[in-house]
């Protein structure tokens, strides 16, 4: 924030790097305001949901396809196993936002290099009444005593998974809000891959 003020006051020279930094900071602040506004609407029950029959696998696939370029660029290995074609009554736009937030979380915090590619595993399964989505990523992870706090607003883990991320600490709070609006549940667990596993349950239509 001090860098932003310095640029606006003319203290910091406006070269290409400074302009990009200013643009990134403004984008971050815009996202923060938008996220806070969305959570405020959700708290008041004023956030609109347009419900229709949704295939969760289709939504997840579209999110993975949308980010294919950056995933390839950063060398991620992606595994998607959809053993369910179950449908739920949901809002396609909000569900897309849910999985997009999980993707942004993975991209922001997961290490990936040629020598040690980052990993994403998404599995969708079902029972007679429920649909289960498990979104996992690789290291770094979050300690067991902090992992449930990930859904708290503005909470940011003070360890490797938070380094220079630019995250607002609201993305996962929004995820929980969206899942709750669909009468589902979301929990965070330690992933066998070394990162975090987001486990989501929805009721079938």
N, C-alpha and C. Protein backbone atom coordinates (compact mmCIF):
# COMPACT_ATOMS: atom_id res chain seq x y z
N UNK A 1 0.83 -1.21 0.00
CA UNK A 1 0.00 0.00 0.00
C UNK A 1 0.87 1.26 0.00
N UNK A 2 1.99 1.22 0.75
CA UNK A 2 2.88 2.37 0.78
C UNK A 2 3.47 2.64 -0.60
N UNK A 3 3.75 1.54 -1.34
CA UNK A 3 4.28 1.72 -2.70
C UNK A 3 3.26 2.40 -3.59
N UNK A 4 1.99 2.02 -3.45
CA UNK A 4 0.92 2.63 -4.23
C UNK A 4 0.84 4.12 -3.92
N UNK A 5 0.89 4.49 -2.63
CA UNK A 5 0.81 5.89 -2.25
C UNK A 5 2.01 6.66 -2.79
N UNK A 6 3.20 6.02 -2.76
CA UNK A 6 4.39 6.67 -3.26
C UNK A 6 4.31 6.97 -4.74
N UNK A 7 3.75 6.05 -5.50
CA UNK A 7 3.57 6.27 -6.94
C UNK A 7 2.62 7.41 -7.20
N UNK A 8 1.51 7.43 -6.46
CA UNK A 8 0.50 8.46 -6.67
C UNK A 8 1.02 9.84 -6.28
N UNK A 9 1.92 9.88 -5.28
CA UNK A 9 2.48 11.15 -4.83
C UNK A 9 3.67 11.59 -5.67
N UNK A 10 4.10 10.74 -6.61
CA UNK A 10 5.23 11.09 -7.46
C UNK A 10 6.57 10.82 -6.83
N UNK A 11 6.60 10.14 -5.68
CA UNK A 11 7.87 9.85 -5.01
C UNK A 11 8.63 8.76 -5.75
N UNK A 12 7.88 7.75 -6.24
CA UNK A 12 8.49 6.64 -6.97
C UNK A 12 8.37 6.90 -8.47
N UNK A 13 9.48 6.77 -9.17
CA UNK A 13 9.49 7.01 -10.62
C UNK A 13 8.55 6.05 -11.34
N UNK A 14 7.76 6.57 -12.29
CA UNK A 14 6.77 5.77 -13.00
C UNK A 14 7.38 5.11 -14.23
N UNK A 15 8.24 4.12 -14.03
CA UNK A 15 8.76 3.34 -15.14
C UNK A 15 7.81 2.17 -15.42
N UNK A 16 8.16 1.32 -16.38
CA UNK A 16 7.27 0.21 -16.75
C UNK A 16 6.99 -0.70 -15.57
N UNK A 17 8.02 -0.98 -14.78
CA UNK A 17 7.84 -1.85 -13.62
C UNK A 17 6.89 -1.22 -12.60
N UNK A 18 7.07 0.08 -12.38
CA UNK A 18 6.22 0.78 -11.42
C UNK A 18 4.77 0.82 -11.88
N UNK A 19 4.57 1.02 -13.19
CA UNK A 19 3.21 1.03 -13.73
C UNK A 19 2.55 -0.32 -13.55
N UNK A 20 3.31 -1.40 -13.82
CA UNK A 20 2.75 -2.75 -13.63
C UNK A 20 2.42 -2.99 -12.16
N UNK A 21 3.31 -2.56 -11.27
CA UNK A 21 3.06 -2.73 -9.84
C UNK A 21 1.81 -1.98 -9.41
N UNK A 22 1.65 -0.76 -9.94
CA UNK A 22 0.46 0.03 -9.63
C UNK A 22 -0.79 -0.67 -10.13
N UNK A 23 -0.72 -1.18 -11.36
CA UNK A 23 -1.86 -1.89 -11.93
C UNK A 23 -2.21 -3.12 -11.09
N UNK A 24 -1.21 -3.89 -10.68
CA UNK A 24 -1.44 -5.09 -9.87
C UNK A 24 -2.05 -4.74 -8.53
N UNK A 25 -1.57 -3.65 -7.92
CA UNK A 25 -2.09 -3.24 -6.62
C UNK A 25 -3.53 -2.77 -6.73
N UNK A 26 -3.85 -2.02 -7.77
CA UNK A 26 -5.22 -1.57 -7.98
C UNK A 26 -6.15 -2.76 -8.23
N UNK A 27 -5.67 -3.74 -9.00
CA UNK A 27 -6.47 -4.93 -9.26
C UNK A 27 -6.72 -5.70 -7.96
N UNK A 28 -5.70 -5.78 -7.11
CA UNK A 28 -5.85 -6.49 -5.84
C UNK A 28 -6.87 -5.78 -4.95
N UNK A 29 -6.79 -4.46 -4.89
CA UNK A 29 -7.73 -3.69 -4.07
C UNK A 29 -9.16 -3.81 -4.61
N UNK A 30 -9.30 -3.82 -5.94
CA UNK A 30 -10.62 -3.99 -6.54
C UNK A 30 -11.21 -5.34 -6.17
N UNK A 31 -10.38 -6.40 -6.25
CA UNK A 31 -10.85 -7.74 -5.86
C UNK A 31 -11.25 -7.77 -4.40
N UNK A 32 -10.47 -7.10 -3.56
CA UNK A 32 -10.78 -7.07 -2.14
C UNK A 32 -12.13 -6.43 -1.88
N UNK A 33 -12.38 -5.29 -2.51
CA UNK A 33 -13.67 -4.59 -2.35
C UNK A 33 -14.81 -5.46 -2.86
N UNK A 34 -14.62 -6.07 -4.04
CA UNK A 34 -15.66 -6.93 -4.61
C UNK A 34 -15.96 -8.12 -3.70
N UNK A 35 -14.90 -8.72 -3.15
CA UNK A 35 -15.08 -9.88 -2.27
C UNK A 35 -15.81 -9.50 -0.99
N UNK A 36 -15.42 -8.36 -0.41
CA UNK A 36 -16.09 -7.90 0.81
C UNK A 36 -17.56 -7.59 0.55
N UNK A 37 -17.84 -7.00 -0.61
CA UNK A 37 -19.22 -6.69 -0.97
C UNK A 37 -20.03 -7.97 -1.12
N UNK A 38 -19.45 -8.98 -1.77
CA UNK A 38 -20.17 -10.24 -1.95
C UNK A 38 -20.47 -10.91 -0.62
N UNK A 39 -19.50 -10.92 0.29
CA UNK A 39 -19.72 -11.52 1.60
C UNK A 39 -20.75 -10.74 2.40
N UNK A 40 -20.75 -9.41 2.26
CA UNK A 40 -21.74 -8.59 2.94
C UNK A 40 -23.15 -8.92 2.46
N UNK A 41 -23.31 -9.07 1.14
CA UNK A 41 -24.61 -9.45 0.59
C UNK A 41 -25.03 -10.83 1.08
N UNK A 42 -24.07 -11.75 1.13
CA UNK A 42 -24.38 -13.10 1.60
C UNK A 42 -24.83 -13.08 3.06
N UNK A 43 -24.17 -12.26 3.88
CA UNK A 43 -24.55 -12.16 5.30
C UNK A 43 -25.98 -11.68 5.46
N UNK A 44 -26.42 -10.80 4.57
CA UNK A 44 -27.76 -10.23 4.67
C UNK A 44 -28.80 -11.06 3.92
N UNK A 45 -28.36 -12.14 3.31
CA UNK A 45 -29.27 -12.95 2.52
C UNK A 45 -29.72 -12.25 1.26
N UNK A 46 -28.92 -11.30 0.78
CA UNK A 46 -29.30 -10.49 -0.38
C UNK A 46 -28.56 -10.89 -1.65
N UNK A 47 -27.74 -11.94 -1.56
CA UNK A 47 -27.00 -12.39 -2.74
C UNK A 47 -27.90 -13.29 -3.58
N UNK A 48 -28.09 -12.93 -4.84
CA UNK A 48 -29.03 -13.63 -5.70
C UNK A 48 -28.42 -14.92 -6.26
N UNK A 49 -29.18 -15.99 -6.19
CA UNK A 49 -28.79 -17.27 -6.78
C UNK A 49 -29.87 -17.69 -7.77
N UNK A 50 -29.45 -18.03 -8.97
CA UNK A 50 -30.37 -18.51 -10.00
C UNK A 50 -30.18 -20.01 -10.14
N UNK A 51 -31.10 -20.77 -9.57
CA UNK A 51 -30.93 -22.21 -9.49
C UNK A 51 -31.44 -22.93 -10.73
N UNK A 52 -30.68 -23.93 -11.14
CA UNK A 52 -31.05 -24.80 -12.26
C UNK A 52 -30.36 -26.14 -12.04
N UNK A 53 -30.71 -27.12 -12.84
CA UNK A 53 -30.05 -28.43 -12.76
C UNK A 53 -28.64 -28.31 -13.31
N UNK A 54 -27.65 -28.69 -12.50
CA UNK A 54 -26.24 -28.51 -12.85
C UNK A 54 -25.49 -29.84 -12.74
N UNK A 55 -24.68 -30.13 -13.73
CA UNK A 55 -23.74 -31.25 -13.65
C UNK A 55 -22.41 -30.70 -13.13
N UNK A 56 -22.04 -31.08 -11.92
CA UNK A 56 -20.84 -30.52 -11.29
C UNK A 56 -19.59 -30.84 -12.10
N UNK A 57 -19.53 -32.02 -12.67
CA UNK A 57 -18.37 -32.40 -13.47
C UNK A 57 -18.14 -31.44 -14.63
N UNK A 58 -19.22 -30.99 -15.25
CA UNK A 58 -19.11 -30.05 -16.36
C UNK A 58 -18.53 -28.71 -15.89
N UNK A 59 -18.97 -28.26 -14.72
CA UNK A 59 -18.47 -26.99 -14.19
C UNK A 59 -16.98 -27.07 -13.91
N UNK A 60 -16.57 -28.15 -13.25
CA UNK A 60 -15.14 -28.32 -12.92
C UNK A 60 -14.31 -28.41 -14.18
N UNK A 61 -14.79 -29.16 -15.17
CA UNK A 61 -14.05 -29.31 -16.42
C UNK A 61 -13.85 -27.95 -17.10
N UNK A 62 -14.87 -27.11 -17.09
CA UNK A 62 -14.74 -25.79 -17.72
C UNK A 62 -13.70 -24.93 -17.00
N UNK A 63 -13.65 -25.03 -15.67
CA UNK A 63 -12.66 -24.27 -14.91
C UNK A 63 -11.25 -24.78 -15.23
N UNK A 64 -11.07 -26.09 -15.29
CA UNK A 64 -9.76 -26.64 -15.63
C UNK A 64 -9.35 -26.23 -17.04
N UNK A 65 -10.29 -26.27 -17.97
CA UNK A 65 -9.98 -25.87 -19.35
C UNK A 65 -9.61 -24.39 -19.43
N UNK A 66 -10.31 -23.56 -18.66
CA UNK A 66 -10.05 -22.12 -18.66
C UNK A 66 -8.62 -21.81 -18.24
N UNK A 67 -8.09 -22.60 -17.31
CA UNK A 67 -6.76 -22.33 -16.77
C UNK A 67 -5.69 -23.23 -17.38
N UNK A 68 -6.02 -23.91 -18.46
CA UNK A 68 -5.07 -24.86 -19.05
C UNK A 68 -3.75 -24.19 -19.42
N UNK A 69 -3.83 -22.98 -19.98
CA UNK A 69 -2.62 -22.29 -20.41
C UNK A 69 -1.65 -22.02 -19.28
N UNK A 70 -2.13 -21.43 -18.19
CA UNK A 70 -1.25 -21.11 -17.06
C UNK A 70 -0.75 -22.37 -16.38
N UNK A 71 -1.59 -23.42 -16.35
CA UNK A 71 -1.17 -24.68 -15.75
C UNK A 71 -0.02 -25.30 -16.54
N UNK A 72 -0.12 -25.26 -17.87
CA UNK A 72 0.96 -25.77 -18.71
C UNK A 72 2.21 -24.91 -18.57
N UNK A 73 2.01 -23.60 -18.54
CA UNK A 73 3.14 -22.67 -18.43
C UNK A 73 3.93 -22.91 -17.15
N UNK A 74 3.22 -23.20 -16.07
CA UNK A 74 3.89 -23.40 -14.79
C UNK A 74 4.24 -24.86 -14.51
N UNK A 75 3.93 -25.73 -15.47
CA UNK A 75 4.37 -27.12 -15.36
C UNK A 75 3.56 -27.99 -14.43
N UNK A 76 2.31 -27.61 -14.18
CA UNK A 76 1.47 -28.42 -13.29
C UNK A 76 1.06 -29.73 -13.94
N UNK A 77 0.95 -30.76 -13.13
CA UNK A 77 0.38 -32.03 -13.54
C UNK A 77 -1.05 -32.08 -13.01
N UNK A 78 -2.01 -32.28 -13.89
CA UNK A 78 -3.43 -32.23 -13.51
C UNK A 78 -4.07 -33.59 -13.74
N UNK A 79 -4.76 -34.08 -12.72
CA UNK A 79 -5.51 -35.32 -12.83
C UNK A 79 -6.97 -35.04 -12.46
N UNK A 80 -7.88 -35.37 -13.36
CA UNK A 80 -9.30 -35.14 -13.14
C UNK A 80 -10.04 -36.46 -13.31
N UNK A 81 -10.63 -36.95 -12.23
CA UNK A 81 -11.38 -38.21 -12.25
C UNK A 81 -12.82 -37.93 -11.86
N UNK A 82 -13.71 -38.00 -12.82
CA UNK A 82 -15.13 -37.77 -12.57
C UNK A 82 -15.86 -39.10 -12.71
N UNK A 83 -16.06 -39.78 -11.59
CA UNK A 83 -16.78 -41.06 -11.61
C UNK A 83 -18.24 -40.84 -11.24
N UNK A 84 -18.66 -39.60 -11.34
CA UNK A 84 -20.05 -39.23 -11.04
C UNK A 84 -20.59 -38.34 -12.14
N UNK A 85 -21.80 -38.61 -12.53
CA UNK A 85 -22.52 -37.71 -13.44
C UNK A 85 -23.72 -37.13 -12.72
N UNK A 86 -23.66 -37.17 -11.38
CA UNK A 86 -24.77 -36.69 -10.57
C UNK A 86 -25.01 -35.20 -10.75
N UNK A 87 -26.24 -34.81 -10.59
CA UNK A 87 -26.64 -33.41 -10.79
C UNK A 87 -27.19 -32.84 -9.49
N UNK A 88 -27.04 -31.53 -9.35
CA UNK A 88 -27.59 -30.84 -8.19
C UNK A 88 -28.35 -29.61 -8.66
N UNK A 89 -29.13 -29.06 -7.75
CA UNK A 89 -29.82 -27.81 -8.04
C UNK A 89 -28.89 -26.69 -7.60
N UNK A 90 -28.36 -25.94 -8.57
CA UNK A 90 -27.36 -24.95 -8.21
C UNK A 90 -27.32 -23.79 -9.18
N UNK A 91 -26.51 -22.81 -8.80
CA UNK A 91 -26.28 -21.62 -9.62
C UNK A 91 -24.96 -21.82 -10.37
N UNK A 92 -25.03 -21.93 -11.68
CA UNK A 92 -23.83 -22.23 -12.48
C UNK A 92 -22.75 -21.17 -12.30
N UNK A 93 -23.14 -19.90 -12.23
CA UNK A 93 -22.15 -18.83 -12.10
C UNK A 93 -21.44 -18.90 -10.75
N UNK A 94 -22.21 -19.13 -9.67
CA UNK A 94 -21.60 -19.19 -8.34
C UNK A 94 -20.75 -20.44 -8.18
N UNK A 95 -21.19 -21.56 -8.74
CA UNK A 95 -20.39 -22.78 -8.66
C UNK A 95 -19.09 -22.64 -9.46
N UNK A 96 -19.17 -21.95 -10.58
CA UNK A 96 -17.95 -21.65 -11.34
C UNK A 96 -17.01 -20.80 -10.50
N UNK A 97 -17.55 -19.81 -9.80
CA UNK A 97 -16.73 -18.97 -8.93
C UNK A 97 -16.10 -19.81 -7.82
N UNK A 98 -16.85 -20.75 -7.27
CA UNK A 98 -16.32 -21.64 -6.23
C UNK A 98 -15.06 -22.36 -6.70
N UNK A 99 -15.16 -23.04 -7.83
CA UNK A 99 -14.02 -23.82 -8.31
C UNK A 99 -12.92 -22.93 -8.89
N UNK A 100 -13.29 -21.77 -9.40
CA UNK A 100 -12.28 -20.82 -9.85
C UNK A 100 -11.47 -20.31 -8.67
N UNK A 101 -12.14 -20.06 -7.54
CA UNK A 101 -11.43 -19.63 -6.33
C UNK A 101 -10.46 -20.71 -5.85
N UNK A 102 -10.91 -21.98 -5.90
CA UNK A 102 -10.02 -23.07 -5.50
C UNK A 102 -8.82 -23.15 -6.43
N UNK A 103 -9.06 -22.95 -7.72
CA UNK A 103 -7.95 -22.95 -8.68
C UNK A 103 -6.98 -21.81 -8.40
N UNK A 104 -7.51 -20.61 -8.16
CA UNK A 104 -6.64 -19.47 -7.86
C UNK A 104 -5.83 -19.72 -6.60
N UNK A 105 -6.45 -20.37 -5.63
CA UNK A 105 -5.77 -20.69 -4.38
C UNK A 105 -4.59 -21.64 -4.66
N UNK A 106 -4.85 -22.65 -5.48
CA UNK A 106 -3.79 -23.60 -5.84
C UNK A 106 -2.67 -22.91 -6.60
N UNK A 107 -3.02 -22.12 -7.60
CA UNK A 107 -2.00 -21.43 -8.40
C UNK A 107 -1.19 -20.45 -7.55
N UNK A 108 -1.84 -19.83 -6.60
CA UNK A 108 -1.18 -18.81 -5.80
C UNK A 108 -0.18 -19.42 -4.82
N UNK A 109 -0.51 -20.58 -4.25
CA UNK A 109 0.29 -21.09 -3.15
C UNK A 109 1.11 -22.34 -3.45
N UNK A 110 0.85 -23.03 -4.54
CA UNK A 110 1.51 -24.31 -4.78
C UNK A 110 2.81 -24.13 -5.55
N UNK A 111 3.87 -24.75 -5.05
CA UNK A 111 5.16 -24.71 -5.75
C UNK A 111 5.08 -25.55 -7.02
N UNK A 112 5.75 -25.10 -8.07
CA UNK A 112 5.84 -25.88 -9.29
C UNK A 112 7.08 -25.48 -10.07
N UNK A 113 7.84 -26.48 -10.50
CA UNK A 113 9.04 -26.24 -11.30
C UNK A 113 9.24 -27.44 -12.22
N UNK A 114 10.19 -27.32 -13.13
CA UNK A 114 10.49 -28.43 -14.03
C UNK A 114 10.94 -29.65 -13.24
N UNK A 115 11.76 -29.42 -12.22
CA UNK A 115 12.28 -30.52 -11.42
C UNK A 115 11.22 -31.12 -10.50
N UNK A 116 10.32 -30.28 -10.01
CA UNK A 116 9.28 -30.75 -9.09
C UNK A 116 7.95 -30.10 -9.47
N UNK A 117 7.25 -30.67 -10.46
CA UNK A 117 5.99 -30.09 -10.93
C UNK A 117 4.94 -30.05 -9.82
N UNK A 118 4.16 -28.97 -9.80
CA UNK A 118 3.02 -28.92 -8.90
C UNK A 118 1.95 -29.91 -9.37
N UNK A 119 1.12 -30.34 -8.43
CA UNK A 119 0.10 -31.31 -8.76
C UNK A 119 -1.28 -30.83 -8.33
N UNK A 120 -2.26 -31.11 -9.17
CA UNK A 120 -3.66 -30.90 -8.83
C UNK A 120 -4.40 -32.20 -9.14
N UNK A 121 -5.15 -32.68 -8.17
CA UNK A 121 -6.00 -33.84 -8.38
C UNK A 121 -7.43 -33.48 -7.98
N UNK A 122 -8.35 -33.63 -8.90
CA UNK A 122 -9.76 -33.36 -8.63
C UNK A 122 -10.54 -34.64 -8.88
N UNK A 123 -11.25 -35.08 -7.86
CA UNK A 123 -12.05 -36.30 -7.95
C UNK A 123 -13.50 -35.98 -7.63
N UNK A 124 -14.40 -36.48 -8.45
CA UNK A 124 -15.84 -36.30 -8.20
C UNK A 124 -16.47 -37.69 -8.11
N UNK A 125 -17.13 -37.95 -7.00
CA UNK A 125 -17.79 -39.24 -6.77
C UNK A 125 -19.19 -38.98 -6.24
N UNK A 126 -19.94 -40.05 -6.01
CA UNK A 126 -21.31 -39.87 -5.53
C UNK A 126 -21.76 -41.07 -4.72
N UNK A 127 -22.76 -40.82 -3.89
CA UNK A 127 -23.49 -41.87 -3.20
C UNK A 127 -24.94 -41.78 -3.66
N UNK A 128 -25.82 -42.45 -2.98
CA UNK A 128 -27.22 -42.42 -3.38
C UNK A 128 -27.81 -41.02 -3.29
N UNK A 129 -27.33 -40.21 -2.33
CA UNK A 129 -27.94 -38.91 -2.08
C UNK A 129 -26.99 -37.73 -2.26
N UNK A 130 -25.69 -37.99 -2.34
CA UNK A 130 -24.73 -36.88 -2.31
C UNK A 130 -23.72 -36.95 -3.45
N UNK A 131 -23.13 -35.79 -3.72
CA UNK A 131 -22.02 -35.67 -4.66
C UNK A 131 -20.81 -35.19 -3.87
N UNK A 132 -19.67 -35.83 -4.08
CA UNK A 132 -18.45 -35.50 -3.35
C UNK A 132 -17.39 -34.98 -4.32
N UNK A 133 -16.86 -33.81 -4.01
CA UNK A 133 -15.78 -33.23 -4.81
C UNK A 133 -14.56 -33.09 -3.90
N UNK A 134 -13.45 -33.66 -4.34
CA UNK A 134 -12.20 -33.55 -3.59
C UNK A 134 -11.16 -32.84 -4.46
N UNK A 135 -10.75 -31.65 -4.03
CA UNK A 135 -9.79 -30.83 -4.78
C UNK A 135 -8.49 -30.81 -3.98
N UNK A 136 -7.44 -31.41 -4.52
CA UNK A 136 -6.17 -31.52 -3.80
C UNK A 136 -5.04 -30.87 -4.57
N UNK A 137 -4.08 -30.33 -3.82
CA UNK A 137 -2.87 -29.83 -4.46
C UNK A 137 -1.64 -30.24 -3.67
N UNK A 138 -0.48 -29.99 -4.24
CA UNK A 138 0.78 -30.41 -3.63
C UNK A 138 1.38 -29.30 -2.77
N UNK A 139 2.57 -29.59 -2.25
CA UNK A 139 3.22 -28.72 -1.26
C UNK A 139 3.44 -27.29 -1.80
N UNK A 140 3.53 -26.35 -0.86
CA UNK A 140 3.53 -26.51 0.60
C UNK A 140 2.13 -26.65 1.18
N UNK A 141 2.07 -27.18 2.39
CA UNK A 141 0.79 -27.40 3.04
C UNK A 141 0.54 -26.40 4.15
N UNK A 142 -0.42 -26.74 4.99
CA UNK A 142 -0.80 -25.91 6.13
C UNK A 142 -0.82 -26.81 7.36
N UNK A 143 -0.29 -26.34 8.46
CA UNK A 143 -0.24 -27.16 9.67
C UNK A 143 -1.64 -27.48 10.17
N UNK A 144 -1.78 -28.61 10.85
CA UNK A 144 -3.09 -29.12 11.28
C UNK A 144 -3.81 -28.14 12.19
N UNK A 145 -3.07 -27.37 12.99
CA UNK A 145 -3.72 -26.46 13.93
C UNK A 145 -4.23 -25.19 13.25
N UNK A 146 -3.88 -24.99 11.98
CA UNK A 146 -4.30 -23.78 11.27
C UNK A 146 -5.26 -24.06 10.12
N UNK A 147 -5.39 -25.32 9.73
CA UNK A 147 -6.06 -25.62 8.48
C UNK A 147 -7.54 -25.25 8.49
N UNK A 148 -8.22 -25.41 9.64
CA UNK A 148 -9.64 -25.07 9.69
C UNK A 148 -9.87 -23.56 9.69
N UNK A 149 -8.83 -22.79 10.01
CA UNK A 149 -8.95 -21.34 10.01
C UNK A 149 -8.91 -20.75 8.60
N UNK A 150 -8.61 -21.59 7.62
CA UNK A 150 -8.49 -21.09 6.25
C UNK A 150 -9.76 -20.42 5.75
N UNK A 151 -10.92 -20.82 6.31
CA UNK A 151 -12.19 -20.28 5.85
C UNK A 151 -12.59 -19.00 6.58
N UNK A 152 -11.79 -18.59 7.56
CA UNK A 152 -12.09 -17.36 8.28
C UNK A 152 -11.74 -16.15 7.41
N UNK A 153 -12.55 -15.13 7.48
CA UNK A 153 -12.33 -13.94 6.66
C UNK A 153 -11.04 -13.23 7.04
N UNK A 154 -10.28 -12.89 6.02
CA UNK A 154 -9.03 -12.15 6.16
C UNK A 154 -7.95 -12.93 6.88
N UNK A 155 -8.19 -14.23 7.14
CA UNK A 155 -7.15 -15.05 7.78
C UNK A 155 -6.10 -15.43 6.75
N UNK A 156 -4.85 -15.24 7.11
CA UNK A 156 -3.75 -15.61 6.22
C UNK A 156 -2.73 -16.39 7.02
N UNK A 157 -2.38 -17.56 6.52
CA UNK A 157 -1.46 -18.44 7.23
C UNK A 157 -0.05 -17.86 7.20
N UNK A 158 0.57 -17.78 8.36
CA UNK A 158 1.93 -17.23 8.44
C UNK A 158 2.95 -18.35 8.27
N UNK A 159 3.00 -18.92 7.08
CA UNK A 159 4.02 -19.93 6.77
C UNK A 159 4.28 -19.89 5.28
N UNK A 160 4.92 -20.92 4.76
CA UNK A 160 5.31 -20.92 3.35
C UNK A 160 4.14 -20.75 2.41
N UNK A 161 2.95 -21.24 2.80
CA UNK A 161 1.82 -21.20 1.88
C UNK A 161 1.27 -19.79 1.72
N UNK A 162 1.77 -18.85 2.48
CA UNK A 162 1.27 -17.48 2.39
C UNK A 162 2.29 -16.52 1.78
N UNK A 163 3.44 -17.02 1.40
CA UNK A 163 4.52 -16.11 1.03
C UNK A 163 4.19 -15.27 -0.19
N UNK A 164 4.29 -13.95 -0.06
CA UNK A 164 4.19 -13.02 -1.20
C UNK A 164 3.12 -13.40 -2.19
N UNK A 165 1.96 -13.80 -1.66
CA UNK A 165 0.94 -14.36 -2.53
C UNK A 165 0.04 -13.32 -3.16
N UNK A 166 -0.18 -12.23 -2.44
CA UNK A 166 -1.12 -11.24 -2.93
C UNK A 166 -2.56 -11.61 -2.66
N UNK A 167 -2.79 -12.70 -1.94
CA UNK A 167 -4.15 -13.10 -1.63
C UNK A 167 -4.78 -12.20 -0.59
N UNK A 168 -6.10 -12.07 -0.66
CA UNK A 168 -6.81 -11.18 0.26
C UNK A 168 -7.23 -11.87 1.54
N UNK A 169 -7.23 -13.20 1.54
CA UNK A 169 -7.74 -13.93 2.70
C UNK A 169 -9.25 -14.06 2.68
N UNK A 170 -9.89 -13.80 1.54
CA UNK A 170 -11.36 -13.87 1.45
C UNK A 170 -11.84 -14.96 0.50
N UNK A 171 -10.97 -15.47 -0.36
CA UNK A 171 -11.40 -16.42 -1.38
C UNK A 171 -12.06 -17.66 -0.82
N UNK A 172 -11.47 -18.24 0.23
CA UNK A 172 -12.03 -19.46 0.80
C UNK A 172 -13.27 -19.17 1.65
N UNK A 173 -13.34 -17.97 2.23
CA UNK A 173 -14.57 -17.59 2.93
C UNK A 173 -15.73 -17.51 1.95
N UNK A 174 -15.46 -17.01 0.75
CA UNK A 174 -16.49 -16.96 -0.30
C UNK A 174 -16.85 -18.37 -0.74
N UNK A 175 -15.86 -19.25 -0.84
CA UNK A 175 -16.15 -20.65 -1.19
C UNK A 175 -17.13 -21.26 -0.19
N UNK A 176 -16.86 -21.06 1.09
CA UNK A 176 -17.76 -21.63 2.11
C UNK A 176 -19.15 -21.01 2.00
N UNK A 177 -19.23 -19.72 1.72
CA UNK A 177 -20.52 -19.06 1.57
C UNK A 177 -21.31 -19.66 0.41
N UNK A 178 -20.63 -19.91 -0.72
CA UNK A 178 -21.30 -20.48 -1.90
C UNK A 178 -21.76 -21.90 -1.61
N UNK A 179 -20.90 -22.70 -0.99
CA UNK A 179 -21.28 -24.08 -0.68
C UNK A 179 -22.46 -24.10 0.29
N UNK A 180 -22.43 -23.24 1.30
CA UNK A 180 -23.54 -23.18 2.27
C UNK A 180 -24.84 -22.80 1.60
N UNK A 181 -24.78 -21.88 0.63
CA UNK A 181 -25.99 -21.47 -0.09
C UNK A 181 -26.57 -22.61 -0.91
N UNK A 182 -25.75 -23.61 -1.21
CA UNK A 182 -26.22 -24.81 -1.91
C UNK A 182 -26.49 -25.95 -0.94
N UNK A 183 -26.58 -25.62 0.36
CA UNK A 183 -26.88 -26.59 1.42
C UNK A 183 -25.84 -27.71 1.47
N UNK A 184 -24.61 -27.34 1.15
CA UNK A 184 -23.53 -28.32 1.18
C UNK A 184 -22.55 -28.04 2.30
N UNK A 185 -21.45 -28.78 2.29
CA UNK A 185 -20.40 -28.62 3.29
C UNK A 185 -19.04 -28.60 2.60
N UNK A 186 -18.12 -27.83 3.14
CA UNK A 186 -16.74 -27.81 2.64
C UNK A 186 -15.80 -27.86 3.83
N UNK A 187 -14.79 -28.71 3.74
CA UNK A 187 -13.80 -28.85 4.79
C UNK A 187 -12.41 -28.88 4.18
N UNK A 188 -11.44 -28.43 4.94
CA UNK A 188 -10.04 -28.48 4.51
C UNK A 188 -9.31 -29.55 5.30
N UNK A 189 -8.51 -30.33 4.60
CA UNK A 189 -7.72 -31.38 5.22
C UNK A 189 -6.31 -31.36 4.62
N UNK A 190 -5.39 -32.00 5.29
CA UNK A 190 -4.05 -32.16 4.74
C UNK A 190 -4.10 -33.16 3.60
N UNK A 191 -3.49 -32.81 2.48
CA UNK A 191 -3.51 -33.69 1.30
C UNK A 191 -2.31 -34.63 1.31
N UNK A 192 -2.50 -35.88 0.89
CA UNK A 192 -1.36 -36.79 0.72
C UNK A 192 -0.33 -36.27 -0.28
N UNK A 193 -0.75 -35.33 -1.14
CA UNK A 193 0.18 -34.74 -2.10
C UNK A 193 1.13 -33.74 -1.46
N UNK A 194 0.84 -33.36 -0.20
CA UNK A 194 1.69 -32.42 0.51
C UNK A 194 1.10 -31.05 0.68
N UNK A 195 -0.02 -30.78 0.02
CA UNK A 195 -0.68 -29.48 0.14
C UNK A 195 -1.97 -29.59 0.93
N UNK A 196 -3.04 -29.06 0.34
CA UNK A 196 -4.34 -29.01 1.02
C UNK A 196 -5.38 -29.75 0.18
N UNK A 197 -6.27 -30.44 0.87
CA UNK A 197 -7.40 -31.12 0.22
C UNK A 197 -8.68 -30.42 0.63
N UNK A 198 -9.41 -29.88 -0.36
CA UNK A 198 -10.71 -29.27 -0.12
C UNK A 198 -11.80 -30.29 -0.44
N UNK A 199 -12.53 -30.70 0.59
CA UNK A 199 -13.52 -31.75 0.44
C UNK A 199 -14.92 -31.14 0.53
N UNK A 200 -15.67 -31.29 -0.56
CA UNK A 200 -16.98 -30.65 -0.68
C UNK A 200 -18.05 -31.71 -0.87
N UNK A 201 -19.18 -31.51 -0.19
CA UNK A 201 -20.33 -32.40 -0.34
C UNK A 201 -21.56 -31.58 -0.73
N UNK A 202 -22.27 -32.05 -1.75
CA UNK A 202 -23.54 -31.47 -2.16
C UNK A 202 -24.62 -32.55 -2.11
N UNK A 203 -25.85 -32.13 -1.88
CA UNK A 203 -26.97 -33.04 -2.04
C UNK A 203 -27.35 -33.09 -3.51
N UNK A 204 -27.68 -34.29 -3.97
CA UNK A 204 -28.17 -34.42 -5.34
C UNK A 204 -29.53 -33.76 -5.47
N UNK A 205 -29.86 -33.44 -6.71
CA UNK A 205 -31.16 -32.85 -6.99
C UNK A 205 -32.26 -33.85 -6.64
